[in-house]
């Protein structure tokens, strides 16, 4: 990602498959998969089943705190049953890359996956596996243990530098966020705000975990592993500034925090016009330090 944006360690490779349109279908699919393999579902499979409702019905349940959604939508403390009028019929398809990072205390999962959207097909010529139309990304913080509850998540669609320039020229900007910092998230927010203006300082906050994930706004920008993510942030050499408000919260155990904000990016070497992004950063507390374990940049686009 660059101010005008134009990799690849995979923690787990998933078989492509249609996401169910209802939780019951998702649960059945997961159970059948577990029976076939003669083993209980993995954490990643549990998390995927838990996210099916959110991704397919676009319906939110407590204790969801914040959602960056497609286009220019976001939700703050959505009421149970809140829906967005998008993708009413169809399938989300896992594109083959997903990472489910379990927190050190086992009380949270930080999830990232490449997705596709597939229109339904209703005759005998339909492929067994829907062919996705376009690429999407989802990152999420899930709390507790199975069945996991989603506290915050970010759904976005990669965009080319050309299309982003055109959207910006047409006046497209991320919707302004209100500022709200949940109790317990203050220290993580302090790390976020102190480091985003300096590429080297930001790189130093990255955890050494091998399942750290960084998504840039471009389709090819997926980086996995703390060393790779830190190096990439250094290579981007971007300084970030919060455009408006900020949303932040922590898991019940207080060991994982998420920070969501609209950011302006400029080149640290050749400052110029700022490029706007939406971003969600996830931090894990290690002893007395908050370390970056996930970062997801997107630009609001349909």
C-alpha atoms as a PDB file:
ATOM      1  CA  UNK A   1       0.000   0.000   0.000  1.00  0.00           C
ATOM      2  CA  UNK A   2       1.251   3.444  -0.845  1.00  0.00           C
ATOM      3  CA  UNK A   3      -0.341   6.902  -0.740  1.00  0.00           C
ATOM      4  CA  UNK A   4      -1.681   5.920  -4.157  1.00  0.00           C
ATOM      5  CA  UNK A   5      -1.900   2.170  -3.735  1.00  0.00           C
ATOM      6  CA  UNK A   6      -1.387  -0.016  -6.684  1.00  0.00           C
ATOM      7  CA  UNK A   7       3.240 -11.925   0.051  1.00  0.00           C
ATOM      8  CA  UNK A   8       2.647 -14.737   1.081  1.00  0.00           C
ATOM      9  CA  UNK A   9       2.731 -17.024   4.013  1.00  0.00           C
ATOM     10  CA  UNK A  10      -0.551 -18.784   4.655  1.00  0.00           C
ATOM     11  CA  UNK A  11      -1.305 -19.866   8.193  1.00  0.00           C
ATOM     12  CA  UNK A  12      -3.983 -22.293   7.081  1.00  0.00           C
ATOM     13  CA  UNK A  13      -5.268 -23.175   3.627  1.00  0.00           C
ATOM     14  CA  UNK A  14      -9.000 -23.791   3.384  1.00  0.00           C
ATOM     15  CA  UNK A  15     -10.972 -25.675   0.785  1.00  0.00           C
ATOM     16  CA  UNK A  16     -13.300 -23.377  -1.158  1.00  0.00           C
ATOM     17  CA  UNK A  17     -16.900 -23.807  -0.080  1.00  0.00           C
ATOM     18  CA  UNK A  18     -20.156 -21.870   0.056  1.00  0.00           C
ATOM     19  CA  UNK A  19     -21.014 -20.252   3.339  1.00  0.00           C
ATOM     20  CA  UNK A  20     -24.487 -21.232   4.516  1.00  0.00           C
ATOM     21  CA  UNK A  21     -27.327 -18.727   4.446  1.00  0.00           C
ATOM     22  CA  UNK A  22     -28.383 -19.646   7.977  1.00  0.00           C
ATOM     23  CA  UNK A  23     -26.634 -20.653  11.162  1.00  0.00           C
ATOM     24  CA  UNK A  24     -28.314 -24.047  11.123  1.00  0.00           C
ATOM     25  CA  UNK A  25     -26.863 -24.830   7.714  1.00  0.00           C
ATOM     26  CA  UNK A  26     -23.449 -23.612   8.840  1.00  0.00           C
ATOM     27  CA  UNK A  27     -23.567 -25.747  11.955  1.00  0.00           C
ATOM     28  CA  UNK A  28     -24.623 -28.779   9.960  1.00  0.00           C
ATOM     29  CA  UNK A  29     -21.844 -28.249   7.446  1.00  0.00           C
ATOM     30  CA  UNK A  30     -19.252 -27.897  10.190  1.00  0.00           C
ATOM     31  CA  UNK A  31     -20.531 -30.954  12.037  1.00  0.00           C
ATOM     32  CA  UNK A  32     -20.528 -33.036   8.868  1.00  0.00           C
ATOM     33  CA  UNK A  33     -16.988 -31.936   8.167  1.00  0.00           C
ATOM     34  CA  UNK A  34     -15.938 -32.888  11.694  1.00  0.00           C
ATOM     35  CA  UNK A  35     -17.609 -36.316  11.423  1.00  0.00           C
ATOM     36  CA  UNK A  36     -15.936 -36.981   8.109  1.00  0.00           C
ATOM     37  CA  UNK A  37     -12.526 -36.206   9.539  1.00  0.00           C
ATOM     38  CA  UNK A  38     -13.223 -38.097  12.795  1.00  0.00           C
ATOM     39  CA  UNK A  39     -12.120 -35.082  14.818  1.00  0.00           C
ATOM     40  CA  UNK A  40     -13.700 -32.039  16.461  1.00  0.00           C
ATOM     41  CA  UNK A  41     -13.725 -28.813  14.408  1.00  0.00           C
ATOM     42  CA  UNK A  42     -10.619 -26.668  14.640  1.00  0.00           C
ATOM     43  CA  UNK A  43     -10.732 -23.194  16.164  1.00  0.00           C
ATOM     44  CA  UNK A  44     -10.714 -21.691  12.677  1.00  0.00           C
ATOM     45  CA  UNK A  45     -13.712 -23.826  11.666  1.00  0.00           C
ATOM     46  CA  UNK A  46     -15.575 -22.854  14.845  1.00  0.00           C
ATOM     47  CA  UNK A  47     -14.925 -19.180  14.155  1.00  0.00           C
ATOM     48  CA  UNK A  48     -15.998 -19.490  10.521  1.00  0.00           C
ATOM     49  CA  UNK A  49     -19.269 -21.108  11.580  1.00  0.00           C
ATOM     50  CA  UNK A  50     -19.833 -18.317  14.104  1.00  0.00           C
ATOM     51  CA  UNK A  51     -19.288 -15.628  11.457  1.00  0.00           C
ATOM     52  CA  UNK A  52     -21.724 -17.140   8.956  1.00  0.00           C
ATOM     53  CA  UNK A  53     -24.691 -15.287  10.450  1.00  0.00           C
ATOM     54  CA  UNK A  54     -22.908 -11.958  10.327  1.00  0.00           C
ATOM     55  CA  UNK A  55     -21.668 -12.397   6.789  1.00  0.00           C
ATOM     56  CA  UNK A  56     -24.783 -13.857   5.206  1.00  0.00           C
ATOM     57  CA  UNK A  57     -27.771 -12.392   7.011  1.00  0.00           C
ATOM     58  CA  UNK A  58     -25.979  -9.120   7.846  1.00  0.00           C
ATOM     59  CA  UNK A  59     -27.566  -9.317  11.284  1.00  0.00           C
ATOM     60  CA  UNK A  60     -25.791  -8.327  14.468  1.00  0.00           C
ATOM     61  CA  UNK A  61     -26.233  -9.637  17.977  1.00  0.00           C
ATOM     62  CA  UNK A  62     -24.917  -8.486  21.347  1.00  0.00           C
ATOM     63  CA  UNK A  63     -22.170  -7.913  22.342  1.00  0.00           C
ATOM     64  CA  UNK A  64     -21.036  -6.645  18.897  1.00  0.00           C
ATOM     65  CA  UNK A  65     -19.524  -3.200  19.473  1.00  0.00           C
ATOM     66  CA  UNK A  66     -18.332  -1.959  16.099  1.00  0.00           C
ATOM     67  CA  UNK A  67     -18.499  -2.932  12.422  1.00  0.00           C
ATOM     68  CA  UNK A  68     -16.789  -1.445   9.360  1.00  0.00           C
ATOM     69  CA  UNK A  69     -19.053  -2.714   6.603  1.00  0.00           C
ATOM     70  CA  UNK A  70     -19.047  -2.622   2.824  1.00  0.00           C
ATOM     71  CA  UNK A  71     -19.203   0.645   0.913  1.00  0.00           C
ATOM     72  CA  UNK A  72     -19.270   3.513   3.421  1.00  0.00           C
ATOM     73  CA  UNK A  73     -21.213   1.820   6.207  1.00  0.00           C
ATOM     74  CA  UNK A  74     -20.253   1.361   9.829  1.00  0.00           C
ATOM     75  CA  UNK A  75     -22.210   0.418  12.924  1.00  0.00           C
ATOM     76  CA  UNK A  76     -21.587   1.421  16.544  1.00  0.00           C
ATOM     77  CA  UNK A  77     -23.229  -0.765  19.209  1.00  0.00           C
ATOM     78  CA  UNK A  78     -25.770  -2.241  16.763  1.00  0.00           C
ATOM     79  CA  UNK A  79     -28.962  -3.417  18.392  1.00  0.00           C
ATOM     80  CA  UNK A  80     -29.619  -7.165  18.182  1.00  0.00           C
ATOM     81  CA  UNK A  81     -31.305  -7.906  14.880  1.00  0.00           C
ATOM     82  CA  UNK A  82     -29.905  -4.842  13.120  1.00  0.00           C
ATOM     83  CA  UNK A  83     -29.623  -5.500   9.395  1.00  0.00           C
ATOM     84  CA  UNK A  84     -28.028  -3.782   6.437  1.00  0.00           C
ATOM     85  CA  UNK A  85     -29.732  -3.969   3.064  1.00  0.00           C
ATOM     86  CA  UNK A  86     -26.904  -5.731   1.248  1.00  0.00           C
ATOM     87  CA  UNK A  87     -26.369  -9.147  -0.299  1.00  0.00           C
ATOM     88  CA  UNK A  88     -29.815 -10.414   0.575  1.00  0.00           C
ATOM     89  CA  UNK A  89     -29.444 -13.605  -1.448  1.00  0.00           C
ATOM     90  CA  UNK A  90     -26.267 -15.438  -2.292  1.00  0.00           C
ATOM     91  CA  UNK A  91     -23.178 -17.078  -0.858  1.00  0.00           C
ATOM     92  CA  UNK A  92     -19.982 -15.933   0.752  1.00  0.00           C
ATOM     93  CA  UNK A  93     -17.142 -18.152  -0.432  1.00  0.00           C
ATOM     94  CA  UNK A  94     -13.831 -18.626   1.339  1.00  0.00           C
ATOM     95  CA  UNK A  95     -11.145 -17.932  -1.228  1.00  0.00           C
ATOM     96  CA  UNK A  96      -8.503 -20.233   0.244  1.00  0.00           C
ATOM     97  CA  UNK A  97      -6.675 -18.095   2.806  1.00  0.00           C
ATOM     98  CA  UNK A  98      -7.690 -17.741   6.432  1.00  0.00           C
ATOM     99  CA  UNK A  99      -5.858 -17.161   9.692  1.00  0.00           C
ATOM    100  CA  UNK A 100      -7.365 -17.747  13.125  1.00  0.00           C
ATOM    101  CA  UNK A 101      -4.902 -16.506  15.755  1.00  0.00           C
ATOM    102  CA  UNK A 102      -5.798 -17.639  19.274  1.00  0.00           C
ATOM    103  CA  UNK A 103      -4.807 -15.186  22.013  1.00  0.00           C
ATOM    104  CA  UNK A 104      -2.137 -16.364  24.434  1.00  0.00           C
ATOM    105  CA  UNK A 105      -4.710 -16.700  27.221  1.00  0.00           C
ATOM    106  CA  UNK A 106      -7.099 -18.662  24.982  1.00  0.00           C
ATOM    107  CA  UNK A 107      -9.878 -16.141  25.585  1.00  0.00           C
ATOM    108  CA  UNK A 108     -10.073 -14.539  22.124  1.00  0.00           C
ATOM    109  CA  UNK A 109      -9.484 -15.234  18.447  1.00  0.00           C
ATOM    110  CA  UNK A 110      -8.205 -12.716  15.912  1.00  0.00           C
ATOM    111  CA  UNK A 111      -9.493 -13.831  12.511  1.00  0.00           C
ATOM    112  CA  UNK A 112      -8.671 -12.825   8.925  1.00  0.00           C
ATOM    113  CA  UNK A 113      -9.923 -14.320   5.668  1.00  0.00           C
ATOM    114  CA  UNK A 114     -10.185 -13.663   1.941  1.00  0.00           C
ATOM    115  CA  UNK A 115     -13.762 -13.998   0.713  1.00  0.00           C
ATOM    116  CA  UNK A 116     -15.729 -13.988  -2.513  1.00  0.00           C
ATOM    117  CA  UNK A 117     -19.381 -13.285  -3.220  1.00  0.00           C
ATOM    118  CA  UNK A 118     -21.284 -15.743  -5.409  1.00  0.00           C
ATOM    119  CA  UNK A 119     -24.726 -15.247  -6.890  1.00  0.00           C
ATOM    120  CA  UNK A 120     -27.094 -18.209  -6.509  1.00  0.00           C
ATOM    121  CA  UNK A 121     -27.563 -20.615  -9.400  1.00  0.00           C
ATOM    122  CA  UNK A 122     -30.735 -22.655  -9.681  1.00  0.00           C
ATOM    123  CA  UNK A 123     -30.388 -25.328 -12.357  1.00  0.00           C
ATOM    124  CA  UNK A 124     -28.489 -28.504 -13.138  1.00  0.00           C
ATOM    125  CA  UNK A 125     -25.679 -26.621 -14.891  1.00  0.00           C
ATOM    126  CA  UNK A 126     -24.641 -24.950 -11.639  1.00  0.00           C
ATOM    127  CA  UNK A 127     -21.110 -25.712 -10.458  1.00  0.00           C
ATOM    128  CA  UNK A 128     -20.848 -27.704  -7.245  1.00  0.00           C
ATOM    129  CA  UNK A 129     -18.833 -24.856  -5.758  1.00  0.00           C
ATOM    130  CA  UNK A 130     -20.122 -21.344  -6.557  1.00  0.00           C
ATOM    131  CA  UNK A 131     -17.750 -19.200  -8.579  1.00  0.00           C
ATOM    132  CA  UNK A 132     -17.131 -16.009  -6.589  1.00  0.00           C
ATOM    133  CA  UNK A 133     -17.499 -12.635  -8.222  1.00  0.00           C
ATOM    134  CA  UNK A 134     -14.868 -10.331  -6.755  1.00  0.00           C
ATOM    135  CA  UNK A 135     -12.686 -10.443  -3.667  1.00  0.00           C
ATOM    136  CA  UNK A 136     -13.548  -9.257  -0.185  1.00  0.00           C
ATOM    137  CA  UNK A 137     -11.688  -9.348   3.126  1.00  0.00           C
ATOM    138  CA  UNK A 138     -12.965  -9.877   6.639  1.00  0.00           C
ATOM    139  CA  UNK A 139     -11.078  -9.372   9.891  1.00  0.00           C
ATOM    140  CA  UNK A 140     -12.679  -9.841  13.290  1.00  0.00           C
ATOM    141  CA  UNK A 141     -12.070  -9.967  17.033  1.00  0.00           C
ATOM    142  CA  UNK A 142     -14.021 -12.797  18.652  1.00  0.00           C
ATOM    143  CA  UNK A 143     -14.341 -13.039  22.424  1.00  0.00           C
ATOM    144  CA  UNK A 144     -14.571 -15.861  24.952  1.00  0.00           C
ATOM    145  CA  UNK A 145     -14.537 -19.467  23.856  1.00  0.00           C
ATOM    146  CA  UNK A 146     -16.718 -21.497  21.510  1.00  0.00           C
ATOM    147  CA  UNK A 147     -19.330 -20.412  20.610  1.00  0.00           C
ATOM    148  CA  UNK A 148     -17.285 -17.271  19.959  1.00  0.00           C
ATOM    149  CA  UNK A 149     -18.925 -13.838  20.053  1.00  0.00           C
ATOM    150  CA  UNK A 150     -17.825 -11.132  17.603  1.00  0.00           C
ATOM    151  CA  UNK A 151     -16.898  -7.838  19.276  1.00  0.00           C
ATOM    152  CA  UNK A 152     -15.576  -5.925  16.277  1.00  0.00           C
ATOM    153  CA  UNK A 153     -15.027  -6.673  12.635  1.00  0.00           C
ATOM    154  CA  UNK A 154     -14.056  -5.066   9.356  1.00  0.00           C
ATOM    155  CA  UNK A 155     -15.436  -6.124   5.987  1.00  0.00           C
ATOM    156  CA  UNK A 156     -13.929  -4.438   2.963  1.00  0.00           C
ATOM    157  CA  UNK A 157     -13.245  -4.896  -0.719  1.00  0.00           C
ATOM    158  CA  UNK A 158      -9.786  -4.389  -2.236  1.00  0.00           C
ATOM    159  CA  UNK A 159      -9.480  -1.471  -4.624  1.00  0.00           C
ATOM    160  CA  UNK A 160      -6.938  -0.530  -7.288  1.00  0.00           C
ATOM    161  CA  UNK A 161      -4.971   2.688  -7.049  1.00  0.00           C
ATOM    162  CA  UNK A 162      -6.678   3.930 -10.222  1.00  0.00           C
ATOM    163  CA  UNK A 163     -10.164   3.311  -8.853  1.00  0.00           C
ATOM    164  CA  UNK A 164      -9.282   4.843  -5.504  1.00  0.00           C
ATOM    165  CA  UNK A 165      -7.977   7.996  -7.199  1.00  0.00           C
ATOM    166  CA  UNK A 166     -11.191   8.235  -9.197  1.00  0.00           C
ATOM    167  CA  UNK A 167     -13.330   7.781  -6.081  1.00  0.00           C
ATOM    168  CA  UNK A 168     -11.375  10.430  -4.191  1.00  0.00           C
ATOM    169  CA  UNK A 169     -11.634  12.820  -7.154  1.00  0.00           C
ATOM    170  CA  UNK A 170     -15.392  12.262  -7.104  1.00  0.00           C
ATOM    171  CA  UNK A 171     -15.484  13.295  -3.452  1.00  0.00           C
ATOM    172  CA  UNK A 172     -15.632   9.867  -1.810  1.00  0.00           C
ATOM    173  CA  UNK A 173     -14.281   9.833   1.758  1.00  0.00           C
ATOM    174  CA  UNK A 174     -14.784   7.501   4.734  1.00  0.00           C
ATOM    175  CA  UNK A 175     -17.768   8.532   6.826  1.00  0.00           C
ATOM    176  CA  UNK A 176     -16.609  10.427   9.951  1.00  0.00           C
ATOM    177  CA  UNK A 177     -16.419   8.289  13.077  1.00  0.00           C
ATOM    178  CA  UNK A 178     -17.446   9.383  16.571  1.00  0.00           C
ATOM    179  CA  UNK A 179     -14.775   8.985  19.244  1.00  0.00           C
ATOM    180  CA  UNK A 180     -15.341   6.317  21.877  1.00  0.00           C
ATOM    181  CA  UNK A 181     -12.756   4.420  23.897  1.00  0.00           C
ATOM    182  CA  UNK A 182     -14.024   1.523  25.965  1.00  0.00           C
ATOM    183  CA  UNK A 183     -12.760   0.986  29.504  1.00  0.00           C
ATOM    184  CA  UNK A 184      -9.539  -1.010  29.422  1.00  0.00           C
ATOM    185  CA  UNK A 185      -8.592   0.032  25.877  1.00  0.00           C
ATOM    186  CA  UNK A 186      -6.877   3.290  26.836  1.00  0.00           C
ATOM    187  CA  UNK A 187      -3.334   1.881  26.875  1.00  0.00           C
ATOM    188  CA  UNK A 188      -3.745   0.207  23.468  1.00  0.00           C
ATOM    189  CA  UNK A 189      -5.127   3.449  22.016  1.00  0.00           C
ATOM    190  CA  UNK A 190      -2.115   5.300  23.425  1.00  0.00           C
ATOM    191  CA  UNK A 191       0.221   2.886  21.590  1.00  0.00           C
ATOM    192  CA  UNK A 192      -1.804   3.312  18.396  1.00  0.00           C
ATOM    193  CA  UNK A 193      -1.805   7.110  18.514  1.00  0.00           C
ATOM    194  CA  UNK A 194       1.856   7.352  19.505  1.00  0.00           C
ATOM    195  CA  UNK A 195       3.121   5.102  16.699  1.00  0.00           C
ATOM    196  CA  UNK A 196       1.002   5.653  13.575  1.00  0.00           C
ATOM    197  CA  UNK A 197       2.767   8.901  12.691  1.00  0.00           C
ATOM    198  CA  UNK A 198       6.185   7.224  12.459  1.00  0.00           C
ATOM    199  CA  UNK A 199       6.720   4.153  10.203  1.00  0.00           C
ATOM    200  CA  UNK A 200       9.633   2.866  12.283  1.00  0.00           C
ATOM    201  CA  UNK A 201       7.769   3.301  15.557  1.00  0.00           C
ATOM    202  CA  UNK A 202       4.750   1.519  14.071  1.00  0.00           C
ATOM    203  CA  UNK A 203       6.904  -1.391  12.878  1.00  0.00           C
ATOM    204  CA  UNK A 204       8.355  -1.741  16.390  1.00  0.00           C
ATOM    205  CA  UNK A 205       4.879  -2.319  17.845  1.00  0.00           C
ATOM    206  CA  UNK A 206       4.331  -5.459  15.731  1.00  0.00           C
ATOM    207  CA  UNK A 207       4.215  -8.757  17.627  1.00  0.00           C
ATOM    208  CA  UNK A 208       6.715 -11.498  16.797  1.00  0.00           C
ATOM    209  CA  UNK A 209       3.852 -13.995  16.429  1.00  0.00           C
ATOM    210  CA  UNK A 210       3.900 -15.945  13.179  1.00  0.00           C
ATOM    211  CA  UNK A 211       0.135 -15.471  12.688  1.00  0.00           C
ATOM    212  CA  UNK A 212       0.116 -11.654  12.581  1.00  0.00           C
ATOM    213  CA  UNK A 213      -1.860 -10.489   9.517  1.00  0.00           C
ATOM    214  CA  UNK A 214      -1.657  -7.224   7.569  1.00  0.00           C
ATOM    215  CA  UNK A 215      -4.163  -6.374   4.829  1.00  0.00           C
ATOM    216  CA  UNK A 216      -3.459  -3.399   2.595  1.00  0.00           C
ATOM    217  CA  UNK A 217      -6.103  -1.877   0.367  1.00  0.00           C
ATOM    218  CA  UNK A 218      -4.871  -3.653  -2.777  1.00  0.00           C
ATOM    219  CA  UNK A 219      -5.922  -7.154  -3.809  1.00  0.00           C
ATOM    220  CA  UNK A 220      -2.382  -8.564  -3.544  1.00  0.00           C
ATOM    221  CA  UNK A 221      -1.611  -6.945  -0.204  1.00  0.00           C
ATOM    222  CA  UNK A 222      -1.876  -9.769   2.307  1.00  0.00           C
ATOM    223  CA  UNK A 223       1.101 -10.301   4.595  1.00  0.00           C
ATOM    224  CA  UNK A 224       1.411 -12.930   7.346  1.00  0.00           C
ATOM    225  CA  UNK A 225       3.951 -13.210  10.157  1.00  0.00           C
ATOM    226  CA  UNK A 226       5.248 -10.572  12.550  1.00  0.00           C
ATOM    227  CA  UNK A 227       8.615 -10.167  10.818  1.00  0.00           C
ATOM    228  CA  UNK A 228       6.990  -9.829   7.385  1.00  0.00           C
ATOM    229  CA  UNK A 229       4.370  -7.361   8.625  1.00  0.00           C
ATOM    230  CA  UNK A 230       6.942  -5.177  10.395  1.00  0.00           C
ATOM    231  CA  UNK A 231       9.168  -5.150   7.312  1.00  0.00           C
ATOM    232  CA  UNK A 232       6.229  -4.287   5.051  1.00  0.00           C
ATOM    233  CA  UNK A 233       5.127  -1.363   7.224  1.00  0.00           C
ATOM    234  CA  UNK A 234       8.694  -0.101   7.094  1.00  0.00           C
ATOM    235  CA  UNK A 235       8.819  -0.481   3.307  1.00  0.00           C
ATOM    236  CA  UNK A 236       5.535   1.374   2.870  1.00  0.00           C
ATOM    237  CA  UNK A 237       7.145   4.245   4.811  1.00  0.00           C
ATOM    238  CA  UNK A 238       3.795   5.909   5.422  1.00  0.00           C
ATOM    239  CA  UNK A 239       2.783   8.247   8.190  1.00  0.00           C
ATOM    240  CA  UNK A 240      -0.821   8.083   9.335  1.00  0.00           C
ATOM    241  CA  UNK A 241      -3.033  10.662  11.007  1.00  0.00           C
ATOM    242  CA  UNK A 242      -6.503  10.102  12.455  1.00  0.00           C
ATOM    243  CA  UNK A 243      -9.039  11.986  10.310  1.00  0.00           C
ATOM    244  CA  UNK A 244     -11.848  12.316  12.833  1.00  0.00           C
ATOM    245  CA  UNK A 245     -12.977  10.048  15.680  1.00  0.00           C
ATOM    246  CA  UNK A 246     -11.871   6.645  16.865  1.00  0.00           C
ATOM    247  CA  UNK A 247     -13.513   3.487  18.222  1.00  0.00           C
ATOM    248  CA  UNK A 248     -11.798   1.113  20.628  1.00  0.00           C
ATOM    249  CA  UNK A 249     -12.603  -1.696  23.028  1.00  0.00           C
ATOM    250  CA  UNK A 250     -11.224  -4.789  24.748  1.00  0.00           C
ATOM    251  CA  UNK A 251     -12.196  -8.408  25.220  1.00  0.00           C
ATOM    252  CA  UNK A 252     -13.635  -9.508  28.541  1.00  0.00           C
ATOM    253  CA  UNK A 253     -10.263 -10.812  29.684  1.00  0.00           C
ATOM    254  CA  UNK A 254      -8.716  -7.431  28.875  1.00  0.00           C
ATOM    255  CA  UNK A 255      -5.855  -8.978  26.908  1.00  0.00           C
ATOM    256  CA  UNK A 256      -6.928  -8.156  23.331  1.00  0.00           C
ATOM    257  CA  UNK A 257      -7.911  -4.666  22.136  1.00  0.00           C
ATOM    258  CA  UNK A 258      -9.174  -3.317  18.832  1.00  0.00           C
ATOM    259  CA  UNK A 259      -8.853   0.232  17.507  1.00  0.00           C
ATOM    260  CA  UNK A 260     -10.815   1.421  14.456  1.00  0.00           C
ATOM    261  CA  UNK A 261     -10.280   4.788  12.797  1.00  0.00           C
ATOM    262  CA  UNK A 262     -10.296   6.692   9.529  1.00  0.00           C
ATOM    263  CA  UNK A 263      -6.698   7.515   8.652  1.00  0.00           C
ATOM    264  CA  UNK A 264      -4.941   9.885   6.252  1.00  0.00           C
ATOM    265  CA  UNK A 265      -1.745   8.397   4.803  1.00  0.00           C
ATOM    266  CA  UNK A 266       1.193  10.380   3.436  1.00  0.00           C
ATOM    267  CA  UNK A 267       4.671   9.374   2.351  1.00  0.00           C
ATOM    268  CA  UNK A 268       7.229   9.899   5.109  1.00  0.00           C
ATOM    269  CA  UNK A 269       9.915  10.514   2.463  1.00  0.00           C
ATOM    270  CA  UNK A 270       7.941  12.751   0.109  1.00  0.00           C
ATOM    271  CA  UNK A 271       4.969  14.259   1.947  1.00  0.00           C
ATOM    272  CA  UNK A 272       2.161  15.287  -0.350  1.00  0.00           C
ATOM    273  CA  UNK A 273      -1.582  14.976  -0.622  1.00  0.00           C
ATOM    274  CA  UNK A 274      -3.017  12.598   1.968  1.00  0.00           C
ATOM    275  CA  UNK A 275      -4.857   9.427   0.943  1.00  0.00           C
ATOM    276  CA  UNK A 276      -7.785   8.392   3.173  1.00  0.00           C
ATOM    277  CA  UNK A 277      -8.341   4.863   4.491  1.00  0.00           C
ATOM    278  CA  UNK A 278     -10.444   3.008   7.011  1.00  0.00           C
ATOM    279  CA  UNK A 279      -8.351   0.886   9.361  1.00  0.00           C
ATOM    280  CA  UNK A 280      -8.814  -1.541  12.203  1.00  0.00           C
ATOM    281  CA  UNK A 281      -5.779  -2.475  14.321  1.00  0.00           C
ATOM    282  CA  UNK A 282      -5.827  -5.316  16.857  1.00  0.00           C
ATOM    283  CA  UNK A 283      -3.403  -5.465  19.788  1.00  0.00           C
ATOM    284  CA  UNK A 284      -2.554  -8.187  22.294  1.00  0.00           C
ATOM    285  CA  UNK A 285      -1.174  -7.394  25.742  1.00  0.00           C
ATOM    286  CA  UNK A 286       2.152  -9.104  26.359  1.00  0.00           C
ATOM    287  CA  UNK A 287       3.267  -8.580  29.972  1.00  0.00           C
ATOM    288  CA  UNK A 288       2.997  -4.769  30.159  1.00  0.00           C
ATOM    289  CA  UNK A 289       3.177  -4.032  26.414  1.00  0.00           C
ATOM    290  CA  UNK A 290       0.459  -3.856  23.766  1.00  0.00           C
ATOM    291  CA  UNK A 291       1.666  -5.459  20.528  1.00  0.00           C
ATOM    292  CA  UNK A 292       0.087  -5.239  17.082  1.00  0.00           C
ATOM    293  CA  UNK A 293      -1.279  -8.600  15.903  1.00  0.00           C
ATOM    294  CA  UNK A 294      -3.504  -7.490  13.015  1.00  0.00           C
ATOM    295  CA  UNK A 295      -4.013  -4.453  10.782  1.00  0.00           C
ATOM    296  CA  UNK A 296      -6.602  -4.094   8.025  1.00  0.00           C
ATOM    297  CA  UNK A 297      -6.762  -1.101   5.656  1.00  0.00           C
ATOM    298  CA  UNK A 298      -9.596  -0.523   3.207  1.00  0.00           C
ATOM    299  CA  UNK A 299     -11.218   2.247   1.196  1.00  0.00           C
ATOM    300  CA  UNK A 300     -15.026   2.448   1.125  1.00  0.00           C
ATOM    301  CA  UNK A 301     -16.093   0.904  -2.167  1.00  0.00           C
ATOM    302  CA  UNK A 302     -19.009  -1.187  -3.422  1.00  0.00           C
END
